[in-house]
Amino acid sequence: MKKKDFHLAIILDGNRRWAKKNHLPVAFGHRRGVENLRKLLPIFVANGISHLTAYALSTENLQERTANELRNLFRLIEKFAADDAIFLENEIRVNIFGELRNFPNSTKKALRNLVAKTQQHHNLVFNLAVGYGSRAEIVRAANFFVKSGQRATEKNFAKFLFSENQPNPDLLIRTGGKRRISNFLLWQLAYAELYFTEKMWPEFGKKELVEALSWFHKQQRTFGK
């Protein structure tokens, strides 16, 4: 029997602030954030998550971070993608949400290799949002849609988003204490439940995930009815 789809979206916020709070270099915060994501992947699978979209690097980040910080982030992404055992062992399929045109060739290659290796997996569909901005995604989809010559409907338009053929998120978790969605999945989050926690991403673990899921299951979802 096919398990019920459950799509979790997460804004992985607070890596830099966690590092500063602990008197550590910013780069160490990013590294702990990546390590935490890797550690939690099997836990998402075990908790019945069928789709996960993680907001890791926005279009704004690419414009505003220093060259040194971006170099460090690209190296971390490459290492995350190259160390593929966690994806293979847990049968996790990886997709990229975002534009990679401003990424180094080595980073593009590592991500595309991981996507290619995992496309037959079905335990968890993991969408890694890097070089991602939702407004840019919608404009991109609109341009493709116009070229298609189709009559506009929500269903037809949604096929041109990065999330084509995936369920919309049921729950958004944002770590780090901020209460906004920061240009993330603006179309797809229309009826998602929004959960905000003070925990910084590097300190968000299994206990916090279970608490968020427990909160979600207590909500009455009406989808605007």
N, C-alpha and C. Protein backbone atom coordinates (compact mmCIF):
# COMPACT_ATOMS: atom_id res chain seq x y z
N MET A 1 0.84 -1.19 0.00
CA MET A 1 0.00 0.00 0.00
C MET A 1 0.88 1.24 0.00
N LYS A 2 0.55 2.20 -0.86
CA LYS A 2 1.34 3.44 -0.95
C LYS A 2 1.11 4.27 0.30
N LYS A 3 2.19 4.73 0.91
CA LYS A 3 2.02 5.56 2.10
C LYS A 3 1.47 6.92 1.69
N LYS A 4 0.75 7.53 2.64
CA LYS A 4 0.14 8.82 2.38
C LYS A 4 1.22 9.88 2.18
N ASP A 5 1.03 10.73 1.16
CA ASP A 5 1.99 11.80 0.93
C ASP A 5 1.96 12.80 2.08
N PHE A 6 3.13 13.18 2.51
CA PHE A 6 3.27 14.27 3.49
C PHE A 6 4.47 15.09 3.07
N HIS A 7 4.23 16.34 2.76
CA HIS A 7 5.30 17.22 2.27
C HIS A 7 5.66 18.21 3.36
N LEU A 8 6.90 18.15 3.79
CA LEU A 8 7.44 19.06 4.79
C LEU A 8 8.41 20.02 4.12
N ALA A 9 8.20 21.31 4.33
CA ALA A 9 9.13 22.34 3.86
C ALA A 9 9.84 22.95 5.08
N ILE A 10 11.13 23.18 4.95
CA ILE A 10 11.89 23.74 6.08
C ILE A 10 12.78 24.88 5.59
N ILE A 11 12.73 25.99 6.32
CA ILE A 11 13.69 27.08 6.12
C ILE A 11 14.78 26.88 7.17
N LEU A 12 15.97 26.54 6.69
CA LEU A 12 17.08 26.17 7.58
C LEU A 12 17.79 27.44 8.07
N ASP A 13 17.16 28.13 9.01
CA ASP A 13 17.64 29.44 9.43
C ASP A 13 18.36 29.37 10.77
N GLY A 14 19.36 30.24 10.91
CA GLY A 14 20.02 30.41 12.20
C GLY A 14 21.43 29.86 12.29
N ASN A 15 22.00 29.38 11.18
CA ASN A 15 23.35 28.82 11.24
C ASN A 15 24.38 29.85 11.68
N ARG A 16 24.32 31.04 11.09
CA ARG A 16 25.31 32.08 11.43
C ARG A 16 25.10 32.59 12.85
N ARG A 17 23.85 32.79 13.23
CA ARG A 17 23.58 33.28 14.59
C ARG A 17 23.96 32.24 15.65
N TRP A 18 23.75 30.95 15.32
CA TRP A 18 24.18 29.90 16.24
C TRP A 18 25.69 29.94 16.45
N ALA A 19 26.43 30.14 15.36
CA ALA A 19 27.88 30.22 15.47
C ALA A 19 28.31 31.40 16.32
N LYS A 20 27.71 32.56 16.08
CA LYS A 20 28.08 33.76 16.85
C LYS A 20 27.73 33.59 18.32
N LYS A 21 26.56 33.01 18.59
CA LYS A 21 26.14 32.77 19.98
C LYS A 21 27.14 31.88 20.71
N ASN A 22 27.75 30.96 19.97
CA ASN A 22 28.70 30.03 20.57
C ASN A 22 30.15 30.46 20.36
N HIS A 23 30.35 31.73 19.95
CA HIS A 23 31.68 32.31 19.75
C HIS A 23 32.54 31.49 18.79
N LEU A 24 31.90 31.09 17.69
CA LEU A 24 32.56 30.29 16.67
C LEU A 24 32.53 31.03 15.34
N PRO A 25 33.44 30.71 14.43
CA PRO A 25 33.40 31.34 13.10
C PRO A 25 32.09 31.00 12.38
N VAL A 26 31.63 31.92 11.53
CA VAL A 26 30.41 31.71 10.76
C VAL A 26 30.49 30.42 9.95
N ALA A 27 31.66 30.14 9.40
CA ALA A 27 31.83 28.94 8.58
C ALA A 27 31.51 27.68 9.37
N PHE A 28 31.80 27.70 10.66
CA PHE A 28 31.51 26.53 11.49
C PHE A 28 30.00 26.35 11.64
N GLY A 29 29.27 27.46 11.72
CA GLY A 29 27.82 27.37 11.79
C GLY A 29 27.23 26.74 10.55
N HIS A 30 27.72 27.14 9.38
CA HIS A 30 27.24 26.54 8.14
C HIS A 30 27.55 25.05 8.10
N ARG A 31 28.75 24.69 8.56
CA ARG A 31 29.13 23.28 8.54
C ARG A 31 28.24 22.46 9.46
N ARG A 32 27.95 23.00 10.65
CA ARG A 32 27.07 22.28 11.56
C ARG A 32 25.66 22.17 10.99
N GLY A 33 25.24 23.20 10.27
CA GLY A 33 23.92 23.15 9.65
C GLY A 33 23.81 22.05 8.61
N VAL A 34 24.85 21.90 7.79
CA VAL A 34 24.87 20.85 6.77
C VAL A 34 24.91 19.48 7.44
N GLU A 35 25.73 19.35 8.47
CA GLU A 35 25.81 18.08 9.20
C GLU A 35 24.46 17.71 9.81
N ASN A 36 23.75 18.72 10.30
CA ASN A 36 22.45 18.46 10.92
C ASN A 36 21.43 17.98 9.88
N LEU A 37 21.44 18.60 8.72
CA LEU A 37 20.54 18.16 7.65
C LEU A 37 20.82 16.71 7.28
N ARG A 38 22.08 16.38 7.12
CA ARG A 38 22.44 15.00 6.78
C ARG A 38 21.97 14.03 7.88
N LYS A 39 22.18 14.40 9.12
CA LYS A 39 21.81 13.54 10.25
C LYS A 39 20.30 13.30 10.31
N LEU A 40 19.52 14.32 9.93
CA LEU A 40 18.07 14.22 10.05
C LEU A 40 17.40 13.51 8.88
N LEU A 41 18.08 13.34 7.77
CA LEU A 41 17.44 12.74 6.60
C LEU A 41 16.81 11.37 6.91
N PRO A 42 17.51 10.43 7.56
CA PRO A 42 16.86 9.15 7.88
C PRO A 42 15.70 9.31 8.87
N ILE A 43 15.77 10.35 9.71
CA ILE A 43 14.71 10.58 10.68
C ILE A 43 13.45 11.09 9.99
N PHE A 44 13.62 11.91 8.95
CA PHE A 44 12.46 12.32 8.16
C PHE A 44 11.79 11.09 7.55
N VAL A 45 12.59 10.18 7.01
CA VAL A 45 12.05 8.96 6.41
C VAL A 45 11.28 8.16 7.46
N ALA A 46 11.88 7.99 8.63
CA ALA A 46 11.28 7.19 9.70
C ALA A 46 9.98 7.80 10.22
N ASN A 47 9.81 9.11 10.06
CA ASN A 47 8.62 9.79 10.56
C ASN A 47 7.56 9.99 9.48
N GLY A 48 7.69 9.27 8.38
CA GLY A 48 6.63 9.25 7.38
C GLY A 48 6.59 10.43 6.45
N ILE A 49 7.69 11.19 6.37
CA ILE A 49 7.75 12.30 5.42
C ILE A 49 8.01 11.72 4.04
N SER A 50 7.14 12.01 3.09
CA SER A 50 7.34 11.51 1.72
C SER A 50 8.08 12.51 0.85
N HIS A 51 7.91 13.81 1.14
CA HIS A 51 8.56 14.88 0.38
C HIS A 51 9.13 15.90 1.36
N LEU A 52 10.34 16.32 1.11
CA LEU A 52 11.01 17.32 1.94
C LEU A 52 11.61 18.37 1.03
N THR A 53 11.30 19.64 1.29
CA THR A 53 11.94 20.73 0.56
C THR A 53 12.67 21.61 1.55
N ALA A 54 13.98 21.69 1.42
CA ALA A 54 14.82 22.42 2.37
C ALA A 54 15.41 23.65 1.70
N TYR A 55 15.15 24.80 2.28
CA TYR A 55 15.63 26.09 1.75
C TYR A 55 17.01 26.33 2.33
N ALA A 56 18.04 26.11 1.51
CA ALA A 56 19.41 26.16 2.00
C ALA A 56 20.18 27.39 1.55
N LEU A 57 19.90 27.88 0.33
CA LEU A 57 20.67 29.02 -0.20
C LEU A 57 19.78 29.78 -1.18
N SER A 58 19.46 31.02 -0.83
CA SER A 58 18.52 31.80 -1.64
C SER A 58 19.25 32.62 -2.70
N THR A 59 18.48 33.14 -3.64
CA THR A 59 19.05 34.05 -4.64
C THR A 59 19.62 35.29 -3.96
N GLU A 60 18.96 35.74 -2.88
CA GLU A 60 19.45 36.90 -2.14
C GLU A 60 20.78 36.58 -1.46
N ASN A 61 20.92 35.38 -0.93
CA ASN A 61 22.20 34.97 -0.33
C ASN A 61 23.34 35.09 -1.33
N LEU A 62 23.08 34.67 -2.57
CA LEU A 62 24.12 34.72 -3.60
C LEU A 62 24.56 36.15 -3.89
N GLN A 63 23.65 37.09 -3.71
CA GLN A 63 23.97 38.48 -4.00
C GLN A 63 24.60 39.21 -2.82
N GLU A 64 24.27 38.78 -1.60
CA GLU A 64 24.61 39.57 -0.43
C GLU A 64 25.76 39.01 0.41
N ARG A 65 26.05 37.74 0.31
CA ARG A 65 27.13 37.16 1.11
C ARG A 65 28.48 37.51 0.51
N THR A 66 29.50 37.52 1.34
CA THR A 66 30.85 37.83 0.86
C THR A 66 31.37 36.69 -0.01
N ALA A 67 32.35 37.01 -0.83
CA ALA A 67 32.93 36.00 -1.72
C ALA A 67 33.51 34.85 -0.91
N ASN A 68 34.12 35.15 0.23
CA ASN A 68 34.72 34.11 1.06
C ASN A 68 33.65 33.19 1.65
N GLU A 69 32.54 33.78 2.11
CA GLU A 69 31.47 32.96 2.68
C GLU A 69 30.83 32.09 1.61
N LEU A 70 30.66 32.64 0.42
CA LEU A 70 30.08 31.85 -0.67
C LEU A 70 30.99 30.69 -1.07
N ARG A 71 32.30 30.95 -1.11
CA ARG A 71 33.24 29.86 -1.44
C ARG A 71 33.09 28.72 -0.43
N ASN A 72 32.98 29.08 0.84
CA ASN A 72 32.81 28.07 1.87
C ASN A 72 31.49 27.32 1.70
N LEU A 73 30.42 28.05 1.38
CA LEU A 73 29.11 27.41 1.17
C LEU A 73 29.13 26.46 -0.02
N PHE A 74 29.78 26.88 -1.10
CA PHE A 74 29.86 26.01 -2.28
C PHE A 74 30.65 24.73 -1.97
N ARG A 75 31.73 24.87 -1.20
CA ARG A 75 32.51 23.68 -0.81
C ARG A 75 31.66 22.73 0.02
N LEU A 76 30.87 23.30 0.95
CA LEU A 76 30.01 22.46 1.79
C LEU A 76 28.96 21.74 0.96
N ILE A 77 28.38 22.44 0.00
CA ILE A 77 27.38 21.82 -0.88
C ILE A 77 28.00 20.68 -1.68
N GLU A 78 29.21 20.91 -2.19
CA GLU A 78 29.90 19.86 -2.95
C GLU A 78 30.15 18.63 -2.09
N LYS A 79 30.61 18.86 -0.86
CA LYS A 79 30.89 17.74 0.03
C LYS A 79 29.59 17.00 0.38
N PHE A 80 28.54 17.75 0.64
CA PHE A 80 27.24 17.17 0.96
C PHE A 80 26.76 16.28 -0.18
N ALA A 81 26.94 16.76 -1.41
CA ALA A 81 26.48 16.00 -2.58
C ALA A 81 27.38 14.81 -2.88
N ALA A 82 28.67 14.96 -2.68
CA ALA A 82 29.62 13.89 -3.03
C ALA A 82 29.54 12.72 -2.05
N ASP A 83 29.23 13.00 -0.78
CA ASP A 83 29.13 11.95 0.23
C ASP A 83 27.71 11.37 0.14
N ASP A 84 27.51 10.47 -0.80
CA ASP A 84 26.14 10.09 -1.18
C ASP A 84 25.60 8.86 -0.46
N ALA A 85 26.34 8.30 0.49
CA ALA A 85 25.90 7.05 1.13
C ALA A 85 24.54 7.20 1.80
N ILE A 86 24.30 8.32 2.46
CA ILE A 86 23.04 8.51 3.18
C ILE A 86 21.85 8.47 2.22
N PHE A 87 22.05 8.98 1.00
CA PHE A 87 20.97 9.01 0.00
C PHE A 87 20.74 7.61 -0.58
N LEU A 88 21.83 6.88 -0.80
CA LEU A 88 21.71 5.55 -1.39
C LEU A 88 21.15 4.55 -0.37
N GLU A 89 21.64 4.61 0.85
CA GLU A 89 21.21 3.66 1.88
C GLU A 89 19.73 3.85 2.25
N ASN A 90 19.27 5.09 2.22
CA ASN A 90 17.90 5.38 2.63
C ASN A 90 16.95 5.58 1.44
N GLU A 91 17.47 5.31 0.24
CA GLU A 91 16.69 5.43 -1.00
C GLU A 91 15.98 6.79 -1.09
N ILE A 92 16.78 7.84 -1.00
CA ILE A 92 16.29 9.21 -1.07
C ILE A 92 16.56 9.77 -2.46
N ARG A 93 15.51 10.24 -3.11
CA ARG A 93 15.66 10.86 -4.42
C ARG A 93 15.86 12.36 -4.26
N VAL A 94 16.87 12.88 -4.93
CA VAL A 94 17.23 14.29 -4.79
C VAL A 94 16.84 15.07 -6.04
N ASN A 95 16.21 16.22 -5.82
CA ASN A 95 15.94 17.20 -6.88
C ASN A 95 16.53 18.54 -6.46
N ILE A 96 16.82 19.37 -7.43
CA ILE A 96 17.29 20.72 -7.15
C ILE A 96 16.20 21.71 -7.52
N PHE A 97 15.84 22.56 -6.57
CA PHE A 97 14.95 23.68 -6.83
C PHE A 97 15.83 24.92 -6.88
N GLY A 98 15.92 25.57 -8.02
CA GLY A 98 16.72 26.78 -8.12
C GLY A 98 17.54 26.80 -9.39
N GLU A 99 18.18 27.95 -9.60
CA GLU A 99 19.03 28.16 -10.77
C GLU A 99 20.50 28.06 -10.35
N LEU A 100 21.24 27.22 -11.07
CA LEU A 100 22.65 26.99 -10.72
C LEU A 100 23.62 27.80 -11.57
N ARG A 101 23.10 28.71 -12.38
CA ARG A 101 23.97 29.39 -13.36
C ARG A 101 25.13 30.14 -12.70
N ASN A 102 24.95 30.64 -11.47
CA ASN A 102 26.01 31.39 -10.80
C ASN A 102 26.85 30.53 -9.86
N PHE A 103 26.66 29.22 -9.94
CA PHE A 103 27.44 28.31 -9.10
C PHE A 103 28.72 27.91 -9.82
N PRO A 104 29.78 27.60 -9.09
CA PRO A 104 30.99 27.07 -9.73
C PRO A 104 30.68 25.77 -10.46
N ASN A 105 31.42 25.49 -11.50
CA ASN A 105 31.19 24.27 -12.28
C ASN A 105 31.31 23.01 -11.43
N SER A 106 32.25 23.03 -10.48
CA SER A 106 32.44 21.85 -9.63
C SER A 106 31.21 21.60 -8.75
N THR A 107 30.56 22.67 -8.29
CA THR A 107 29.36 22.54 -7.47
C THR A 107 28.19 22.03 -8.32
N LYS A 108 28.04 22.60 -9.51
CA LYS A 108 27.00 22.13 -10.43
C LYS A 108 27.16 20.64 -10.70
N LYS A 109 28.39 20.23 -10.98
CA LYS A 109 28.64 18.83 -11.33
C LYS A 109 28.30 17.91 -10.16
N ALA A 110 28.69 18.30 -8.94
CA ALA A 110 28.42 17.46 -7.77
C ALA A 110 26.91 17.30 -7.55
N LEU A 111 26.17 18.39 -7.69
CA LEU A 111 24.73 18.32 -7.49
C LEU A 111 24.05 17.50 -8.58
N ARG A 112 24.46 17.71 -9.82
CA ARG A 112 23.84 16.97 -10.92
C ARG A 112 24.16 15.49 -10.85
N ASN A 113 25.36 15.15 -10.40
CA ASN A 113 25.71 13.74 -10.22
C ASN A 113 24.82 13.08 -9.17
N LEU A 114 24.58 13.81 -8.05
CA LEU A 114 23.74 13.26 -6.99
C LEU A 114 22.31 13.07 -7.48
N VAL A 115 21.79 14.03 -8.21
CA VAL A 115 20.44 13.92 -8.77
C VAL A 115 20.36 12.69 -9.68
N ALA A 116 21.33 12.53 -10.55
CA ALA A 116 21.32 11.41 -11.50
C ALA A 116 21.38 10.05 -10.78
N LYS A 117 22.18 9.97 -9.71
CA LYS A 117 22.34 8.70 -8.99
C LYS A 117 21.09 8.27 -8.23
N THR A 118 20.23 9.23 -7.90
CA THR A 118 19.15 8.93 -6.95
C THR A 118 17.76 8.93 -7.57
N GLN A 119 17.66 9.09 -8.88
CA GLN A 119 16.34 9.30 -9.48
C GLN A 119 15.42 8.09 -9.40
N GLN A 120 15.94 6.90 -9.12
CA GLN A 120 15.09 5.72 -9.01
C GLN A 120 14.60 5.47 -7.59
N HIS A 121 15.00 6.32 -6.64
CA HIS A 121 14.63 6.10 -5.24
C HIS A 121 13.25 6.67 -4.92
N HIS A 122 12.59 6.06 -3.90
CA HIS A 122 11.21 6.44 -3.62
C HIS A 122 10.89 6.61 -2.13
N ASN A 123 11.83 6.37 -1.23
CA ASN A 123 11.51 6.51 0.19
C ASN A 123 11.22 7.95 0.58
N LEU A 124 12.00 8.86 0.04
CA LEU A 124 11.84 10.29 0.33
C LEU A 124 12.25 11.07 -0.90
N VAL A 125 11.40 11.99 -1.32
CA VAL A 125 11.76 12.93 -2.38
C VAL A 125 12.30 14.18 -1.68
N PHE A 126 13.58 14.44 -1.88
CA PHE A 126 14.27 15.53 -1.18
C PHE A 126 14.60 16.63 -2.19
N ASN A 127 13.91 17.75 -2.05
CA ASN A 127 14.14 18.91 -2.91
C ASN A 127 15.08 19.87 -2.18
N LEU A 128 16.27 20.03 -2.70
CA LEU A 128 17.24 20.95 -2.10
C LEU A 128 17.12 22.29 -2.83
N ALA A 129 16.66 23.31 -2.13
CA ALA A 129 16.47 24.63 -2.72
C ALA A 129 17.73 25.46 -2.54
N VAL A 130 18.49 25.58 -3.63
CA VAL A 130 19.73 26.36 -3.63
C VAL A 130 19.72 27.26 -4.86
N GLY A 131 20.20 28.50 -4.69
CA GLY A 131 20.04 29.45 -5.79
C GLY A 131 18.57 29.66 -6.09
N TYR A 132 17.77 29.60 -5.02
CA TYR A 132 16.32 29.58 -5.18
C TYR A 132 15.68 30.87 -4.67
N GLY A 133 14.70 31.37 -5.41
CA GLY A 133 13.82 32.44 -4.97
C GLY A 133 12.46 32.18 -5.58
N SER A 134 11.40 32.28 -4.79
CA SER A 134 10.09 31.90 -5.29
C SER A 134 9.57 32.85 -6.35
N ARG A 135 9.81 34.15 -6.21
CA ARG A 135 9.36 35.07 -7.26
C ARG A 135 10.04 34.74 -8.59
N ALA A 136 11.33 34.45 -8.52
CA ALA A 136 12.05 34.07 -9.75
C ALA A 136 11.50 32.78 -10.32
N GLU A 137 11.14 31.84 -9.44
CA GLU A 137 10.55 30.57 -9.90
C GLU A 137 9.23 30.83 -10.64
N ILE A 138 8.39 31.71 -10.10
CA ILE A 138 7.10 32.00 -10.71
C ILE A 138 7.28 32.71 -12.05
N VAL A 139 8.22 33.65 -12.13
CA VAL A 139 8.49 34.33 -13.40
C VAL A 139 9.01 33.33 -14.43
N ARG A 140 9.91 32.45 -14.01
CA ARG A 140 10.43 31.40 -14.90
C ARG A 140 9.29 30.53 -15.42
N ALA A 141 8.40 30.12 -14.51
CA ALA A 141 7.28 29.28 -14.90
C ALA A 141 6.36 30.02 -15.87
N ALA A 142 6.15 31.31 -15.62
CA ALA A 142 5.28 32.09 -16.49
C ALA A 142 5.85 32.17 -17.91
N ASN A 143 7.14 32.34 -18.02
CA ASN A 143 7.77 32.41 -19.34
C ASN A 143 7.62 31.09 -20.09
N PHE A 144 7.84 29.98 -19.39
CA PHE A 144 7.65 28.67 -20.02
C PHE A 144 6.19 28.45 -20.39
N PHE A 145 5.30 28.91 -19.52
CA PHE A 145 3.88 28.72 -19.75
C PHE A 145 3.42 29.46 -21.01
N VAL A 146 3.88 30.71 -21.17
CA VAL A 146 3.51 31.50 -22.35
C VAL A 146 3.95 30.78 -23.62
N LYS A 147 5.16 30.22 -23.59
CA LYS A 147 5.67 29.51 -24.77
C LYS A 147 4.86 28.25 -25.08
N SER A 148 4.24 27.68 -24.05
CA SER A 148 3.50 26.43 -24.25
C SER A 148 2.20 26.65 -25.03
N GLY A 149 1.66 27.89 -25.00
CA GLY A 149 0.43 28.19 -25.71
C GLY A 149 -0.82 27.61 -25.08
N GLN A 150 -0.73 27.15 -23.84
CA GLN A 150 -1.88 26.56 -23.17
C GLN A 150 -2.81 27.63 -22.60
N ARG A 151 -4.04 27.22 -22.35
CA ARG A 151 -4.98 28.08 -21.64
C ARG A 151 -4.62 28.06 -20.16
N ALA A 152 -4.63 29.22 -19.53
CA ALA A 152 -4.15 29.33 -18.16
C ALA A 152 -5.14 28.74 -17.16
N THR A 153 -4.68 27.77 -16.39
CA THR A 153 -5.38 27.29 -15.21
C THR A 153 -4.33 27.10 -14.13
N GLU A 154 -4.76 27.05 -12.87
CA GLU A 154 -3.79 26.82 -11.79
C GLU A 154 -3.06 25.50 -11.99
N LYS A 155 -3.80 24.47 -12.37
CA LYS A 155 -3.20 23.14 -12.55
C LYS A 155 -2.17 23.15 -13.67
N ASN A 156 -2.51 23.76 -14.80
CA ASN A 156 -1.56 23.82 -15.92
C ASN A 156 -0.33 24.63 -15.58
N PHE A 157 -0.55 25.77 -14.90
CA PHE A 157 0.59 26.63 -14.56
C PHE A 157 1.54 25.93 -13.60
N ALA A 158 0.98 25.21 -12.63
CA ALA A 158 1.81 24.56 -11.60
C ALA A 158 2.77 23.54 -12.20
N LYS A 159 2.45 23.02 -13.38
CA LYS A 159 3.34 22.04 -14.02
C LYS A 159 4.68 22.64 -14.43
N PHE A 160 4.77 23.96 -14.47
CA PHE A 160 6.01 24.62 -14.89
C PHE A 160 6.84 25.10 -13.70
N LEU A 161 6.37 24.83 -12.50
CA LEU A 161 7.15 25.14 -11.30
C LEU A 161 8.16 24.03 -11.04
N PHE A 162 9.16 24.30 -10.21
CA PHE A 162 10.14 23.26 -9.86
C PHE A 162 9.44 22.05 -9.21
N SER A 163 8.32 22.30 -8.55
CA SER A 163 7.61 21.26 -7.80
C SER A 163 6.63 20.47 -8.66
N GLU A 164 6.79 20.52 -9.97
CA GLU A 164 5.91 19.80 -10.89
C GLU A 164 5.65 18.37 -10.41
N ASN A 165 4.37 17.99 -10.39
CA ASN A 165 3.92 16.64 -10.03
C ASN A 165 4.17 16.26 -8.58
N GLN A 166 4.47 17.22 -7.72
CA GLN A 166 4.62 16.94 -6.30
C GLN A 166 3.46 17.56 -5.53
N PRO A 167 3.09 16.95 -4.40
CA PRO A 167 2.05 17.57 -3.57
C PRO A 167 2.56 18.87 -2.97
N ASN A 168 1.66 19.80 -2.71
CA ASN A 168 2.05 21.03 -2.03
C ASN A 168 2.43 20.74 -0.58
N PRO A 169 3.28 21.55 0.02
CA PRO A 169 3.66 21.31 1.41
C PRO A 169 2.46 21.31 2.35
N ASP A 170 2.48 20.38 3.28
CA ASP A 170 1.48 20.35 4.35
C ASP A 170 1.91 21.23 5.51
N LEU A 171 3.21 21.24 5.76
CA LEU A 171 3.75 21.94 6.93
C LEU A 171 5.04 22.65 6.54
N LEU A 172 5.15 23.92 6.95
CA LEU A 172 6.41 24.65 6.85
C LEU A 172 6.98 24.84 8.24
N ILE A 173 8.22 24.46 8.43
CA ILE A 173 8.95 24.74 9.66
C ILE A 173 10.02 25.78 9.35
N ARG A 174 10.05 26.85 10.13
CA ARG A 174 11.17 27.79 10.04
C ARG A 174 11.86 27.82 11.39
N THR A 175 13.14 27.51 11.40
CA THR A 175 13.95 27.59 12.61
C THR A 175 14.53 29.00 12.74
N GLY A 176 15.10 29.28 13.91
CA GLY A 176 15.86 30.52 14.09
C GLY A 176 15.07 31.71 14.60
N GLY A 177 13.77 31.54 14.90
CA GLY A 177 13.02 32.59 15.55
C GLY A 177 12.35 33.62 14.65
N LYS A 178 12.65 33.64 13.38
CA LYS A 178 12.01 34.59 12.47
C LYS A 178 10.63 34.06 12.06
N ARG A 179 9.71 34.99 11.83
CA ARG A 179 8.34 34.60 11.48
C ARG A 179 7.95 35.20 10.13
N ARG A 180 8.60 34.71 9.12
CA ARG A 180 8.29 35.10 7.74
C ARG A 180 8.73 33.96 6.83
N ILE A 181 8.28 34.00 5.57
CA ILE A 181 8.60 32.89 4.66
C ILE A 181 9.68 33.25 3.65
N SER A 182 10.11 34.51 3.60
CA SER A 182 11.33 34.90 2.91
C SER A 182 11.44 34.38 1.47
N ASN A 183 10.40 34.63 0.68
CA ASN A 183 10.46 34.31 -0.75
C ASN A 183 10.67 32.81 -1.00
N PHE A 184 10.00 32.01 -0.21
CA PHE A 184 10.13 30.55 -0.30
C PHE A 184 8.78 29.93 -0.64
N LEU A 185 8.68 29.26 -1.77
CA LEU A 185 7.50 28.48 -2.15
C LEU A 185 6.20 29.28 -2.01
N LEU A 186 6.20 30.52 -2.53
CA LEU A 186 5.04 31.39 -2.36
C LEU A 186 3.77 30.78 -2.96
N TRP A 187 3.89 30.13 -4.10
CA TRP A 187 2.74 29.47 -4.73
C TRP A 187 2.33 28.24 -3.94
N GLN A 188 3.31 27.41 -3.60
CA GLN A 188 3.04 26.09 -3.05
C GLN A 188 2.56 26.12 -1.60
N LEU A 189 2.90 27.18 -0.85
CA LEU A 189 2.57 27.23 0.59
C LEU A 189 1.19 27.81 0.87
N ALA A 190 0.36 27.96 -0.15
CA ALA A 190 -0.92 28.66 0.01
C ALA A 190 -1.75 28.15 1.20
N TYR A 191 -1.77 26.84 1.42
CA TYR A 191 -2.59 26.28 2.50
C TYR A 191 -1.77 25.44 3.48
N ALA A 192 -0.48 25.66 3.53
CA ALA A 192 0.37 24.95 4.48
C ALA A 192 0.18 25.52 5.89
N GLU A 193 0.36 24.67 6.88
CA GLU A 193 0.45 25.14 8.27
C GLU A 193 1.86 25.67 8.50
N LEU A 194 1.97 26.78 9.22
CA LEU A 194 3.26 27.44 9.43
C LEU A 194 3.68 27.29 10.89
N TYR A 195 4.88 26.74 11.08
CA TYR A 195 5.39 26.46 12.42
C TYR A 195 6.74 27.15 12.59
N PHE A 196 6.83 28.01 13.59
CA PHE A 196 8.05 28.78 13.82
C PHE A 196 8.64 28.38 15.18
N THR A 197 9.93 28.18 15.20
CA THR A 197 10.60 27.80 16.44
C THR A 197 11.83 28.68 16.67
N GLU A 198 12.10 28.93 17.94
CA GLU A 198 13.27 29.73 18.31
C GLU A 198 14.57 28.95 18.11
N LYS A 199 14.47 27.65 18.06
CA LYS A 199 15.67 26.83 17.89
C LYS A 199 16.41 27.19 16.61
N MET A 200 17.72 27.38 16.69
CA MET A 200 18.52 27.59 15.49
C MET A 200 18.65 26.25 14.75
N TRP A 201 18.85 26.31 13.44
CA TRP A 201 18.89 25.06 12.68
C TRP A 201 19.92 24.07 13.20
N PRO A 202 21.14 24.45 13.57
CA PRO A 202 22.10 23.43 14.04
C PRO A 202 21.67 22.71 15.32
N GLU A 203 20.72 23.28 16.06
CA GLU A 203 20.29 22.64 17.31
C GLU A 203 18.88 22.04 17.19
N PHE A 204 18.34 22.00 15.98
CA PHE A 204 17.02 21.42 15.73
C PHE A 204 17.20 19.93 15.45
N GLY A 205 16.70 19.11 16.35
CA GLY A 205 16.93 17.67 16.21
C GLY A 205 15.64 16.86 16.16
N LYS A 206 15.76 15.57 16.43
CA LYS A 206 14.61 14.66 16.36
C LYS A 206 13.51 15.10 17.30
N LYS A 207 13.86 15.49 18.53
CA LYS A 207 12.86 15.92 19.51
C LYS A 207 12.04 17.09 18.98
N GLU A 208 12.74 18.08 18.41
CA GLU A 208 12.05 19.26 17.88
C GLU A 208 11.18 18.92 16.67
N LEU A 209 11.66 18.00 15.84
CA LEU A 209 10.87 17.57 14.69
C LEU A 209 9.58 16.89 15.15
N VAL A 210 9.68 16.00 16.11
CA VAL A 210 8.50 15.29 16.61
C VAL A 210 7.51 16.28 17.23
N GLU A 211 8.02 17.29 17.93
CA GLU A 211 7.14 18.32 18.51
C GLU A 211 6.39 19.08 17.42
N ALA A 212 7.12 19.43 16.34
CA ALA A 212 6.49 20.16 15.22
C ALA A 212 5.42 19.30 14.55
N LEU A 213 5.71 18.03 14.33
CA LEU A 213 4.74 17.14 13.70
C LEU A 213 3.52 16.92 14.59
N SER A 214 3.76 16.82 15.91
CA SER A 214 2.66 16.67 16.86
C SER A 214 1.76 17.90 16.83
N TRP A 215 2.37 19.09 16.78
CA TRP A 215 1.60 20.34 16.66
C TRP A 215 0.77 20.33 15.38
N PHE A 216 1.37 19.91 14.29
CA PHE A 216 0.68 19.89 13.01
C PHE A 216 -0.57 19.01 13.08
N HIS A 217 -0.43 17.84 13.66
CA HIS A 217 -1.54 16.88 13.66
C HIS A 217 -2.69 17.33 14.56
N LYS A 218 -2.48 18.36 15.36
CA LYS A 218 -3.55 18.92 16.19
C LYS A 218 -4.32 20.03 15.47
N GLN A 219 -3.82 20.45 14.32
CA GLN A 219 -4.46 21.56 13.60
C GLN A 219 -5.67 21.06 12.81
N GLN A 220 -6.66 21.92 12.73
CA GLN A 220 -7.82 21.64 11.86
C GLN A 220 -7.59 22.34 10.54
N ARG A 221 -7.43 21.54 9.49
CA ARG A 221 -7.13 22.11 8.19
C ARG A 221 -8.41 22.19 7.36
N THR A 222 -8.74 23.40 6.92
CA THR A 222 -9.98 23.60 6.17
C THR A 222 -9.73 23.96 4.71
N PHE A 223 -8.49 24.31 4.36
CA PHE A 223 -8.14 24.66 2.98
C PHE A 223 -9.06 25.75 2.43
N GLY A 224 -9.37 26.72 3.30
CA GLY A 224 -10.16 27.87 2.87
C GLY A 224 -11.66 27.65 2.84
N LYS A 225 -12.12 26.45 3.26
CA LYS A 225 -13.55 26.16 3.17
C LYS A 225 -14.31 26.75 4.38
